[in-house]
């Protein structure tokens, strides 16, 4: 589902409005809401199990998460006077939201750093609205889709080398989304396995020969 967005005509929005409307998604006190935990709830889920007691998400909740995220991001685009469409979807057990069109590089940032921060803010807004920790995935300008394709190719090549040489390889540090992509690829290749090591932001994937 694509929701078109047109930028507001008033470009003189103050920094105070930006901070209040975008960086502080809640309008009242928040109680008993678990904030998003990137590693536990997303990225390395294949190797690092989700928190005990978190129930599977139903479609209705995921749709609700997408709606809240869409509204939140609409406000962001409006304040920044950025033109873009918001696509809402459900992929497996996650809500998926994408901002497409327009000049969106500033919302991606170097190596996706701004995108990662924006995703966490959006998850926080959703958690505050629903009372449930969110695992929502955000993409901007197709950055994650392209990154997924590049990582899939790199992981497959690495797996082939490790399977042939029998020697482990340590990959460059990656964010949780990127590590999950690599783990998924390695899991589908016979003769190799993968683990994560290190602490954020230097956490990385190690590809090893199967025991």
C-alpha atoms as a PDB file:
ATOM      1  CA  UNK A   1       0.000   0.000   0.000  1.00  0.00           C
ATOM      2  CA  UNK A   2       1.494   3.321  -1.069  1.00  0.00           C
ATOM      3  CA  UNK A   3       0.591   6.555   0.643  1.00  0.00           C
ATOM      4  CA  UNK A   4       1.638   9.625  -1.362  1.00  0.00           C
ATOM      5  CA  UNK A   5       3.087  12.506   0.580  1.00  0.00           C
ATOM      6  CA  UNK A   6       3.378  16.112  -0.531  1.00  0.00           C
ATOM      7  CA  UNK A   7       5.760  18.418   1.354  1.00  0.00           C
ATOM      8  CA  UNK A   8       4.325  21.272   3.323  1.00  0.00           C
ATOM      9  CA  UNK A   9       4.624  24.690   1.797  1.00  0.00           C
ATOM     10  CA  UNK A  10       5.972  26.341   4.950  1.00  0.00           C
ATOM     11  CA  UNK A  11       9.734  25.731   5.098  1.00  0.00           C
ATOM     12  CA  UNK A  12      10.268  27.971   8.122  1.00  0.00           C
ATOM     13  CA  UNK A  13       9.463  25.286  10.663  1.00  0.00           C
ATOM     14  CA  UNK A  14      11.588  25.906  13.733  1.00  0.00           C
ATOM     15  CA  UNK A  15      14.083  23.554  15.316  1.00  0.00           C
ATOM     16  CA  UNK A  16      11.863  23.445  18.390  1.00  0.00           C
ATOM     17  CA  UNK A  17       8.967  22.092  16.299  1.00  0.00           C
ATOM     18  CA  UNK A  18      11.246  19.508  14.714  1.00  0.00           C
ATOM     19  CA  UNK A  19      12.470  18.287  18.078  1.00  0.00           C
ATOM     20  CA  UNK A  20       9.031  18.202  19.613  1.00  0.00           C
ATOM     21  CA  UNK A  21       7.085  16.677  16.738  1.00  0.00           C
ATOM     22  CA  UNK A  22       9.632  14.219  15.353  1.00  0.00           C
ATOM     23  CA  UNK A  23      12.186  13.301  17.983  1.00  0.00           C
ATOM     24  CA  UNK A  24       9.619  13.075  20.772  1.00  0.00           C
ATOM     25  CA  UNK A  25       6.853  10.880  19.306  1.00  0.00           C
ATOM     26  CA  UNK A  26       4.907  10.512  22.548  1.00  0.00           C
ATOM     27  CA  UNK A  27       2.581  13.274  23.681  1.00  0.00           C
ATOM     28  CA  UNK A  28       2.179  12.036  27.238  1.00  0.00           C
ATOM     29  CA  UNK A  29       3.940   9.940  29.869  1.00  0.00           C
ATOM     30  CA  UNK A  30       4.937   6.439  28.886  1.00  0.00           C
ATOM     31  CA  UNK A  31       4.643   3.544  31.283  1.00  0.00           C
ATOM     32  CA  UNK A  32       5.437  -0.153  31.034  1.00  0.00           C
ATOM     33  CA  UNK A  33       6.685   0.003  27.447  1.00  0.00           C
ATOM     34  CA  UNK A  34       9.773  -2.000  26.483  1.00  0.00           C
ATOM     35  CA  UNK A  35      11.960   0.022  24.182  1.00  0.00           C
ATOM     36  CA  UNK A  36      13.243  -1.556  20.981  1.00  0.00           C
ATOM     37  CA  UNK A  37      16.322  -3.706  21.414  1.00  0.00           C
ATOM     38  CA  UNK A  38      17.918  -3.971  18.020  1.00  0.00           C
ATOM     39  CA  UNK A  39      19.997  -7.113  18.503  1.00  0.00           C
ATOM     40  CA  UNK A  40      17.577  -9.190  20.557  1.00  0.00           C
ATOM     41  CA  UNK A  41      14.546  -8.455  18.419  1.00  0.00           C
ATOM     42  CA  UNK A  42      15.936  -8.225  14.964  1.00  0.00           C
ATOM     43  CA  UNK A  43      19.139  -8.882  13.427  1.00  0.00           C
ATOM     44  CA  UNK A  44      20.888 -11.843  14.917  1.00  0.00           C
ATOM     45  CA  UNK A  45      17.669 -13.654  15.721  1.00  0.00           C
ATOM     46  CA  UNK A  46      18.955 -16.762  13.952  1.00  0.00           C
ATOM     47  CA  UNK A  47      21.676 -17.118  16.581  1.00  0.00           C
ATOM     48  CA  UNK A  48      20.432 -14.935  19.424  1.00  0.00           C
ATOM     49  CA  UNK A  49      16.886 -15.978  20.384  1.00  0.00           C
ATOM     50  CA  UNK A  50      14.198 -13.384  20.912  1.00  0.00           C
ATOM     51  CA  UNK A  51      13.317 -12.369  24.459  1.00  0.00           C
ATOM     52  CA  UNK A  52      11.281 -14.978  26.303  1.00  0.00           C
ATOM     53  CA  UNK A  53       7.639 -14.120  26.810  1.00  0.00           C
ATOM     54  CA  UNK A  54       7.260 -12.093  23.603  1.00  0.00           C
ATOM     55  CA  UNK A  55       4.197 -13.479  21.837  1.00  0.00           C
ATOM     56  CA  UNK A  56       4.045 -13.913  18.052  1.00  0.00           C
ATOM     57  CA  UNK A  57       2.592 -10.887  16.309  1.00  0.00           C
ATOM     58  CA  UNK A  58      -0.785 -11.187  14.618  1.00  0.00           C
ATOM     59  CA  UNK A  59      -1.556  -9.551  11.304  1.00  0.00           C
ATOM     60  CA  UNK A  60      -3.848  -6.966  12.920  1.00  0.00           C
ATOM     61  CA  UNK A  61      -1.062  -5.768  15.210  1.00  0.00           C
ATOM     62  CA  UNK A  62       1.436  -5.607  12.355  1.00  0.00           C
ATOM     63  CA  UNK A  63      -0.991  -3.577  10.264  1.00  0.00           C
ATOM     64  CA  UNK A  64      -1.498  -1.266  13.245  1.00  0.00           C
ATOM     65  CA  UNK A  65       2.283  -0.895  13.606  1.00  0.00           C
ATOM     66  CA  UNK A  66       2.537   0.063   9.944  1.00  0.00           C
ATOM     67  CA  UNK A  67      -0.231   2.635  10.263  1.00  0.00           C
ATOM     68  CA  UNK A  68       1.395   4.268  13.293  1.00  0.00           C
ATOM     69  CA  UNK A  69       4.788   4.285  11.583  1.00  0.00           C
ATOM     70  CA  UNK A  70       3.279   5.752   8.430  1.00  0.00           C
ATOM     71  CA  UNK A  71       1.661   8.604  10.369  1.00  0.00           C
ATOM     72  CA  UNK A  72       4.907   9.282  12.243  1.00  0.00           C
ATOM     73  CA  UNK A  73       6.970   9.353   9.059  1.00  0.00           C
ATOM     74  CA  UNK A  74       4.404  11.578   7.326  1.00  0.00           C
ATOM     75  CA  UNK A  75       5.020  14.152  10.057  1.00  0.00           C
ATOM     76  CA  UNK A  76       8.765  13.822   9.579  1.00  0.00           C
ATOM     77  CA  UNK A  77       8.591  14.349   5.830  1.00  0.00           C
ATOM     78  CA  UNK A  78       6.251  17.285   6.334  1.00  0.00           C
ATOM     79  CA  UNK A  79       8.596  19.006   8.791  1.00  0.00           C
ATOM     80  CA  UNK A  80      11.650  18.380   6.614  1.00  0.00           C
ATOM     81  CA  UNK A  81       9.744  19.488   3.494  1.00  0.00           C
ATOM     82  CA  UNK A  82      10.736  16.275   1.725  1.00  0.00           C
ATOM     83  CA  UNK A  83       8.631  14.759  -1.046  1.00  0.00           C
ATOM     84  CA  UNK A  84       8.136  10.990  -0.900  1.00  0.00           C
ATOM     85  CA  UNK A  85       5.643   8.139  -0.816  1.00  0.00           C
ATOM     86  CA  UNK A  86       5.222   5.776   2.114  1.00  0.00           C
ATOM     87  CA  UNK A  87       4.679   2.090   1.329  1.00  0.00           C
ATOM     88  CA  UNK A  88       3.247  -0.132   4.055  1.00  0.00           C
ATOM     89  CA  UNK A  89       3.468  -3.917   4.024  1.00  0.00           C
ATOM     90  CA  UNK A  90       3.733  -6.979   6.262  1.00  0.00           C
ATOM     91  CA  UNK A  91       6.647  -9.351   5.721  1.00  0.00           C
ATOM     92  CA  UNK A  92       6.511 -12.494   7.824  1.00  0.00           C
ATOM     93  CA  UNK A  93       6.271 -11.420  11.454  1.00  0.00           C
ATOM     94  CA  UNK A  94       7.329  -7.803  10.852  1.00  0.00           C
ATOM     95  CA  UNK A  95       5.690  -4.638   9.676  1.00  0.00           C
ATOM     96  CA  UNK A  96       7.604  -3.219   6.735  1.00  0.00           C
ATOM     97  CA  UNK A  97       7.623   0.477   5.857  1.00  0.00           C
ATOM     98  CA  UNK A  98       9.463   2.139   2.991  1.00  0.00           C
ATOM     99  CA  UNK A  99       9.910   5.765   1.999  1.00  0.00           C
ATOM    100  CA  UNK A 100      10.345   5.979  -1.772  1.00  0.00           C
ATOM    101  CA  UNK A 101      10.761   8.748  -4.349  1.00  0.00           C
ATOM    102  CA  UNK A 102      12.219  12.209  -4.003  1.00  0.00           C
ATOM    103  CA  UNK A 103      15.668  13.181  -2.789  1.00  0.00           C
ATOM    104  CA  UNK A 104      16.145  10.877   0.189  1.00  0.00           C
ATOM    105  CA  UNK A 105      19.910  10.563   0.583  1.00  0.00           C
ATOM    106  CA  UNK A 106      19.895  12.703   3.728  1.00  0.00           C
ATOM    107  CA  UNK A 107      17.494  10.223   5.364  1.00  0.00           C
ATOM    108  CA  UNK A 108      19.907   7.356   4.611  1.00  0.00           C
ATOM    109  CA  UNK A 109      23.180   8.940   5.645  1.00  0.00           C
ATOM    110  CA  UNK A 110      26.676   7.516   5.454  1.00  0.00           C
ATOM    111  CA  UNK A 111      26.537   3.694   5.423  1.00  0.00           C
ATOM    112  CA  UNK A 112      22.855   3.890   6.398  1.00  0.00           C
ATOM    113  CA  UNK A 113      23.568   5.481   9.787  1.00  0.00           C
ATOM    114  CA  UNK A 114      20.709   7.993   9.600  1.00  0.00           C
ATOM    115  CA  UNK A 115      18.351   5.268   8.371  1.00  0.00           C
ATOM    116  CA  UNK A 116      19.229   3.081  11.369  1.00  0.00           C
ATOM    117  CA  UNK A 117      18.566   5.963  13.774  1.00  0.00           C
ATOM    118  CA  UNK A 118      15.296   6.808  12.055  1.00  0.00           C
ATOM    119  CA  UNK A 119      14.203   3.170  12.243  1.00  0.00           C
ATOM    120  CA  UNK A 120      14.796   3.121  16.004  1.00  0.00           C
ATOM    121  CA  UNK A 121      12.840   6.361  16.462  1.00  0.00           C
ATOM    122  CA  UNK A 122       9.987   4.927  14.402  1.00  0.00           C
ATOM    123  CA  UNK A 123      10.009   1.706  16.425  1.00  0.00           C
ATOM    124  CA  UNK A 124       9.852   3.788  19.588  1.00  0.00           C
ATOM    125  CA  UNK A 125       6.864   5.738  18.281  1.00  0.00           C
ATOM    126  CA  UNK A 126       5.119   2.449  17.445  1.00  0.00           C
ATOM    127  CA  UNK A 127       5.924   0.932  20.851  1.00  0.00           C
ATOM    128  CA  UNK A 128       4.521   3.968  22.616  1.00  0.00           C
ATOM    129  CA  UNK A 129       1.315   3.801  20.581  1.00  0.00           C
ATOM    130  CA  UNK A 130       0.745   0.048  20.851  1.00  0.00           C
ATOM    131  CA  UNK A 131       2.392  -0.837  24.166  1.00  0.00           C
ATOM    132  CA  UNK A 132       4.296  -3.634  22.393  1.00  0.00           C
ATOM    133  CA  UNK A 133       7.956  -3.736  21.414  1.00  0.00           C
ATOM    134  CA  UNK A 134       8.245  -3.275  17.656  1.00  0.00           C
ATOM    135  CA  UNK A 135      10.444  -5.148  15.182  1.00  0.00           C
ATOM    136  CA  UNK A 136       9.356  -2.954  12.292  1.00  0.00           C
ATOM    137  CA  UNK A 137      11.752  -2.706   9.362  1.00  0.00           C
ATOM    138  CA  UNK A 138      12.239   0.644   7.626  1.00  0.00           C
ATOM    139  CA  UNK A 139      13.780   1.238   4.213  1.00  0.00           C
ATOM    140  CA  UNK A 140      14.487   4.574   2.566  1.00  0.00           C
ATOM    141  CA  UNK A 141      15.077   5.024  -1.142  1.00  0.00           C
ATOM    142  CA  UNK A 142      15.644   1.288  -1.658  1.00  0.00           C
ATOM    143  CA  UNK A 143      18.867   1.392   0.380  1.00  0.00           C
ATOM    144  CA  UNK A 144      18.180  -1.793   2.341  1.00  0.00           C
ATOM    145  CA  UNK A 145      17.024  -3.682  -0.759  1.00  0.00           C
ATOM    146  CA  UNK A 146      20.262  -2.862  -2.588  1.00  0.00           C
ATOM    147  CA  UNK A 147      22.356  -3.573   0.496  1.00  0.00           C
ATOM    148  CA  UNK A 148      20.608  -6.943   0.921  1.00  0.00           C
ATOM    149  CA  UNK A 149      21.495  -7.906  -2.665  1.00  0.00           C
ATOM    150  CA  UNK A 150      25.136  -6.872  -2.228  1.00  0.00           C
ATOM    151  CA  UNK A 151      25.447  -8.745   1.087  1.00  0.00           C
ATOM    152  CA  UNK A 152      23.819 -11.861  -0.340  1.00  0.00           C
ATOM    153  CA  UNK A 153      26.413 -12.003  -3.118  1.00  0.00           C
ATOM    154  CA  UNK A 154      29.300 -11.308  -0.717  1.00  0.00           C
ATOM    155  CA  UNK A 155      28.112 -13.919   1.787  1.00  0.00           C
ATOM    156  CA  UNK A 156      27.763 -16.571  -0.924  1.00  0.00           C
ATOM    157  CA  UNK A 157      31.312 -15.888  -2.158  1.00  0.00           C
ATOM    158  CA  UNK A 158      32.669 -16.028   1.394  1.00  0.00           C
ATOM    159  CA  UNK A 159      30.872 -19.305   2.081  1.00  0.00           C
ATOM    160  CA  UNK A 160      32.371 -20.846  -1.046  1.00  0.00           C
ATOM    161  CA  UNK A 161      35.881 -19.804  -0.018  1.00  0.00           C
ATOM    162  CA  UNK A 162      35.515 -21.116   3.524  1.00  0.00           C
ATOM    163  CA  UNK A 163      34.026 -24.402   2.313  1.00  0.00           C
ATOM    164  CA  UNK A 164      36.963 -24.838  -0.063  1.00  0.00           C
ATOM    165  CA  UNK A 165      39.782 -23.749   2.240  1.00  0.00           C
ATOM    166  CA  UNK A 166      38.475 -24.946   5.591  1.00  0.00           C
ATOM    167  CA  UNK A 167      39.665 -21.653   7.094  1.00  0.00           C
ATOM    168  CA  UNK A 168      37.306 -19.278   8.922  1.00  0.00           C
ATOM    169  CA  UNK A 169      36.826 -15.703   7.694  1.00  0.00           C
ATOM    170  CA  UNK A 170      35.835 -12.678   9.754  1.00  0.00           C
ATOM    171  CA  UNK A 171      33.737 -10.125   7.931  1.00  0.00           C
ATOM    172  CA  UNK A 172      33.698  -6.380   8.473  1.00  0.00           C
ATOM    173  CA  UNK A 173      31.525  -5.016  11.303  1.00  0.00           C
ATOM    174  CA  UNK A 174      27.858  -4.815  10.338  1.00  0.00           C
ATOM    175  CA  UNK A 175      24.629  -3.576  11.818  1.00  0.00           C
ATOM    176  CA  UNK A 176      21.990  -6.105  12.955  1.00  0.00           C
ATOM    177  CA  UNK A 177      20.041  -6.030   9.674  1.00  0.00           C
ATOM    178  CA  UNK A 178      23.182  -6.775   7.682  1.00  0.00           C
ATOM    179  CA  UNK A 179      24.312  -9.587   9.966  1.00  0.00           C
ATOM    180  CA  UNK A 180      20.914 -11.250   9.703  1.00  0.00           C
ATOM    181  CA  UNK A 181      21.137 -11.208   5.901  1.00  0.00           C
ATOM    182  CA  UNK A 182      24.564 -12.868   6.033  1.00  0.00           C
ATOM    183  CA  UNK A 183      23.469 -15.471   8.598  1.00  0.00           C
ATOM    184  CA  UNK A 184      20.508 -16.415   6.409  1.00  0.00           C
ATOM    185  CA  UNK A 185      22.713 -16.922   3.361  1.00  0.00           C
ATOM    186  CA  UNK A 186      25.308 -18.972   5.250  1.00  0.00           C
ATOM    187  CA  UNK A 187      22.580 -21.156   6.770  1.00  0.00           C
ATOM    188  CA  UNK A 188      21.652 -22.282   3.267  1.00  0.00           C
ATOM    189  CA  UNK A 189      25.163 -23.363   2.258  1.00  0.00           C
ATOM    190  CA  UNK A 190      26.358 -26.870   3.077  1.00  0.00           C
ATOM    191  CA  UNK A 191      29.673 -27.255   4.872  1.00  0.00           C
ATOM    192  CA  UNK A 192      29.780 -23.853   6.561  1.00  0.00           C
ATOM    193  CA  UNK A 193      28.196 -22.077   9.516  1.00  0.00           C
ATOM    194  CA  UNK A 194      28.241 -18.577  10.946  1.00  0.00           C
ATOM    195  CA  UNK A 195      28.463 -16.875  14.317  1.00  0.00           C
ATOM    196  CA  UNK A 196      28.457 -13.300  15.553  1.00  0.00           C
ATOM    197  CA  UNK A 197      31.239 -11.946  17.735  1.00  0.00           C
ATOM    198  CA  UNK A 198      32.157  -8.660  19.362  1.00  0.00           C
ATOM    199  CA  UNK A 199      30.131  -5.773  20.716  1.00  0.00           C
ATOM    200  CA  UNK A 200      28.223  -3.041  18.931  1.00  0.00           C
ATOM    201  CA  UNK A 201      29.129  -1.146  16.851  1.00  0.00           C
ATOM    202  CA  UNK A 202      32.025  -3.475  16.003  1.00  0.00           C
ATOM    203  CA  UNK A 203      29.957  -6.693  16.057  1.00  0.00           C
ATOM    204  CA  UNK A 204      30.710  -8.873  13.051  1.00  0.00           C
ATOM    205  CA  UNK A 205      29.915 -12.217  11.427  1.00  0.00           C
ATOM    206  CA  UNK A 206      32.455 -15.027  11.398  1.00  0.00           C
ATOM    207  CA  UNK A 207      32.051 -17.707   8.724  1.00  0.00           C
ATOM    208  CA  UNK A 208      33.485 -21.083   9.753  1.00  0.00           C
ATOM    209  CA  UNK A 209      33.729 -24.582   8.272  1.00  0.00           C
ATOM    210  CA  UNK A 210      31.104 -26.955   9.608  1.00  0.00           C
ATOM    211  CA  UNK A 211      32.227 -29.008  12.580  1.00  0.00           C
END
